[in-house]
């Protein structure tokens, strides 16, 4: 269980920064070289590399080196794990929303 908790910590730490979340969006459709991944961000290549490193530690991306190019690909398994953890709370929110719906309907009828 502790290993699973540490894994989730790494995933959520990786998702905590908007630049890293946007990088994941950009990687949805295709692998990108680090330089291409860096293109839209107004930060240095060194900062992009640090963000990619955090995504790697979180298990959300993989890197392969081809010559001088570092290609980054999305590893969506980590996102599935994060979504699975959040799904544990779905029934809680469903109950809350059902109660709110009932309250709003009773106010509208009354």
C-alpha atoms as a PDB file:
ATOM      1  CA  UNK A   1       0.000   0.000   0.000  1.00  0.00           C
ATOM      2  CA  UNK A   2       2.847   2.403   0.828  1.00  0.00           C
ATOM      3  CA  UNK A   3       4.330   1.904  -2.657  1.00  0.00           C
ATOM      4  CA  UNK A   4       0.949   2.700  -4.210  1.00  0.00           C
ATOM      5  CA  UNK A   5       0.656   5.864  -2.081  1.00  0.00           C
ATOM      6  CA  UNK A   6       4.132   7.003  -3.128  1.00  0.00           C
ATOM      7  CA  UNK A   7       3.219   6.347  -6.761  1.00  0.00           C
ATOM      8  CA  UNK A   8       0.079   8.476  -6.459  1.00  0.00           C
ATOM      9  CA  UNK A   9       2.073  11.210  -4.714  1.00  0.00           C
ATOM     10  CA  UNK A  10       4.438  11.326  -7.699  1.00  0.00           C
ATOM     11  CA  UNK A  11       1.568  11.399 -10.173  1.00  0.00           C
ATOM     12  CA  UNK A  12      -0.254  14.213  -8.400  1.00  0.00           C
ATOM     13  CA  UNK A  13       2.978  16.166  -7.863  1.00  0.00           C
ATOM     14  CA  UNK A  14       3.524  15.939 -11.611  1.00  0.00           C
ATOM     15  CA  UNK A  15      -0.006  17.159 -12.321  1.00  0.00           C
ATOM     16  CA  UNK A  16       0.297  20.056  -9.871  1.00  0.00           C
ATOM     17  CA  UNK A  17       1.911  22.491 -12.308  1.00  0.00           C
ATOM     18  CA  UNK A  18       0.019  24.011 -15.262  1.00  0.00           C
ATOM     19  CA  UNK A  19       3.023  23.750 -17.604  1.00  0.00           C
ATOM     20  CA  UNK A  20       3.254  20.007 -16.971  1.00  0.00           C
ATOM     21  CA  UNK A  21      -0.484  19.553 -17.494  1.00  0.00           C
ATOM     22  CA  UNK A  22      -0.234  21.423 -20.798  1.00  0.00           C
ATOM     23  CA  UNK A  23       2.720  19.256 -21.803  1.00  0.00           C
ATOM     24  CA  UNK A  24       0.568  16.180 -21.263  1.00  0.00           C
ATOM     25  CA  UNK A  25      -2.151  17.712 -23.430  1.00  0.00           C
ATOM     26  CA  UNK A  26       0.394  18.285 -26.198  1.00  0.00           C
ATOM     27  CA  UNK A  27       1.583  14.671 -25.936  1.00  0.00           C
ATOM     28  CA  UNK A  28      -1.920  13.169 -26.313  1.00  0.00           C
ATOM     29  CA  UNK A  29      -1.735  12.868 -30.094  1.00  0.00           C
ATOM     30  CA  UNK A  30       1.929  12.200 -30.756  1.00  0.00           C
ATOM     31  CA  UNK A  31       5.408  11.898 -29.313  1.00  0.00           C
ATOM     32  CA  UNK A  32       7.417  15.112 -29.364  1.00  0.00           C
ATOM     33  CA  UNK A  33      11.062  16.049 -29.175  1.00  0.00           C
ATOM     34  CA  UNK A  34      11.846  18.044 -26.040  1.00  0.00           C
ATOM     35  CA  UNK A  35      12.586  21.101 -28.175  1.00  0.00           C
ATOM     36  CA  UNK A  36       9.166  20.811 -29.866  1.00  0.00           C
ATOM     37  CA  UNK A  37       7.462  20.235 -26.534  1.00  0.00           C
ATOM     38  CA  UNK A  38       9.147  23.408 -25.228  1.00  0.00           C
ATOM     39  CA  UNK A  39       8.054  25.572 -28.166  1.00  0.00           C
ATOM     40  CA  UNK A  40       4.885  27.253 -26.786  1.00  0.00           C
ATOM     41  CA  UNK A  41       6.220  27.904 -23.291  1.00  0.00           C
ATOM     42  CA  UNK A  42       7.930  31.194 -22.391  1.00  0.00           C
ATOM     43  CA  UNK A  43      10.518  29.391 -20.251  1.00  0.00           C
ATOM     44  CA  UNK A  44      14.063  28.189 -20.819  1.00  0.00           C
ATOM     45  CA  UNK A  45      14.885  24.787 -22.267  1.00  0.00           C
ATOM     46  CA  UNK A  46      16.480  23.953 -18.899  1.00  0.00           C
ATOM     47  CA  UNK A  47      13.158  24.664 -17.145  1.00  0.00           C
ATOM     48  CA  UNK A  48      11.319  22.521 -19.694  1.00  0.00           C
ATOM     49  CA  UNK A  49      13.801  19.734 -19.025  1.00  0.00           C
ATOM     50  CA  UNK A  50      13.096  19.961 -15.281  1.00  0.00           C
ATOM     51  CA  UNK A  51       9.351  19.734 -15.935  1.00  0.00           C
ATOM     52  CA  UNK A  52       9.883  16.706 -18.184  1.00  0.00           C
ATOM     53  CA  UNK A  53      12.012  15.153 -15.446  1.00  0.00           C
ATOM     54  CA  UNK A  54       9.172  15.567 -12.943  1.00  0.00           C
ATOM     55  CA  UNK A  55       6.742  13.992 -15.408  1.00  0.00           C
ATOM     56  CA  UNK A  56       9.172  11.085 -15.832  1.00  0.00           C
ATOM     57  CA  UNK A  57       9.489  10.611 -12.051  1.00  0.00           C
ATOM     58  CA  UNK A  58       5.702  10.645 -11.835  1.00  0.00           C
ATOM     59  CA  UNK A  59       5.541   7.934 -14.473  1.00  0.00           C
ATOM     60  CA  UNK A  60       3.447  10.077 -16.820  1.00  0.00           C
ATOM     61  CA  UNK A  61       5.929  10.251 -19.694  1.00  0.00           C
ATOM     62  CA  UNK A  62       8.729   8.147 -21.135  1.00  0.00           C
ATOM     63  CA  UNK A  63      11.841   9.378 -22.894  1.00  0.00           C
ATOM     64  CA  UNK A  64      13.757   7.745 -25.706  1.00  0.00           C
ATOM     65  CA  UNK A  65      16.955   9.103 -27.179  1.00  0.00           C
ATOM     66  CA  UNK A  66      17.498   8.957 -30.928  1.00  0.00           C
ATOM     67  CA  UNK A  67      20.841  10.500 -31.791  1.00  0.00           C
ATOM     68  CA  UNK A  68      20.780  13.929 -30.165  1.00  0.00           C
ATOM     69  CA  UNK A  69      17.008  14.101 -30.003  1.00  0.00           C
ATOM     70  CA  UNK A  70      15.114  13.265 -26.838  1.00  0.00           C
ATOM     71  CA  UNK A  71      11.614  12.076 -27.713  1.00  0.00           C
ATOM     72  CA  UNK A  72       8.913  12.253 -25.057  1.00  0.00           C
ATOM     73  CA  UNK A  73       5.803  10.092 -25.114  1.00  0.00           C
ATOM     74  CA  UNK A  74       2.735  10.044 -22.911  1.00  0.00           C
ATOM     75  CA  UNK A  75       2.355   7.164 -20.475  1.00  0.00           C
ATOM     76  CA  UNK A  76      -1.366   7.346 -19.750  1.00  0.00           C
ATOM     77  CA  UNK A  77      -1.266   4.505 -17.203  1.00  0.00           C
ATOM     78  CA  UNK A  78      -0.373   6.998 -14.480  1.00  0.00           C
ATOM     79  CA  UNK A  79      -3.397   9.090 -15.388  1.00  0.00           C
ATOM     80  CA  UNK A  80      -5.553   5.968 -15.149  1.00  0.00           C
ATOM     81  CA  UNK A  81      -4.229   5.355 -11.636  1.00  0.00           C
ATOM     82  CA  UNK A  82      -4.987   8.941 -10.615  1.00  0.00           C
ATOM     83  CA  UNK A  83      -8.497   8.700 -12.077  1.00  0.00           C
ATOM     84  CA  UNK A  84      -9.021   5.397 -10.269  1.00  0.00           C
ATOM     85  CA  UNK A  85      -8.182   6.988  -6.943  1.00  0.00           C
ATOM     86  CA  UNK A  86     -10.567   9.859  -7.617  1.00  0.00           C
ATOM     87  CA  UNK A  87     -13.282   7.385  -8.621  1.00  0.00           C
ATOM     88  CA  UNK A  88     -13.296   6.109  -5.037  1.00  0.00           C
ATOM     89  CA  UNK A  89     -15.048   9.358  -4.124  1.00  0.00           C
ATOM     90  CA  UNK A  90     -17.588   9.319  -6.934  1.00  0.00           C
ATOM     91  CA  UNK A  91     -20.324   7.715  -4.820  1.00  0.00           C
ATOM     92  CA  UNK A  92     -19.770  10.390  -2.152  1.00  0.00           C
ATOM     93  CA  UNK A  93     -20.302  13.172  -4.679  1.00  0.00           C
ATOM     94  CA  UNK A  94     -23.219  11.367  -6.325  1.00  0.00           C
ATOM     95  CA  UNK A  95     -24.976  11.165  -2.943  1.00  0.00           C
ATOM     96  CA  UNK A  96     -24.287  14.840  -2.258  1.00  0.00           C
ATOM     97  CA  UNK A  97     -25.575  15.930  -5.640  1.00  0.00           C
ATOM     98  CA  UNK A  98     -28.665  13.719  -5.284  1.00  0.00           C
ATOM     99  CA  UNK A  99     -29.382  15.340  -1.909  1.00  0.00           C
ATOM    100  CA  UNK A 100     -28.943  18.807  -3.412  1.00  0.00           C
ATOM    101  CA  UNK A 101     -31.253  17.890  -6.281  1.00  0.00           C
ATOM    102  CA  UNK A 102     -33.899  16.644  -3.824  1.00  0.00           C
ATOM    103  CA  UNK A 103     -33.591  19.831  -1.778  1.00  0.00           C
ATOM    104  CA  UNK A 104     -33.918  22.067  -4.841  1.00  0.00           C
ATOM    105  CA  UNK A 105     -36.936  20.120  -6.077  1.00  0.00           C
ATOM    106  CA  UNK A 106     -38.644  20.330  -2.683  1.00  0.00           C
ATOM    107  CA  UNK A 107     -38.042  24.098  -2.546  1.00  0.00           C
ATOM    108  CA  UNK A 108     -39.426  24.472  -6.061  1.00  0.00           C
ATOM    109  CA  UNK A 109     -42.546  22.457  -5.153  1.00  0.00           C
ATOM    110  CA  UNK A 110     -43.092  24.147  -1.823  1.00  0.00           C
END
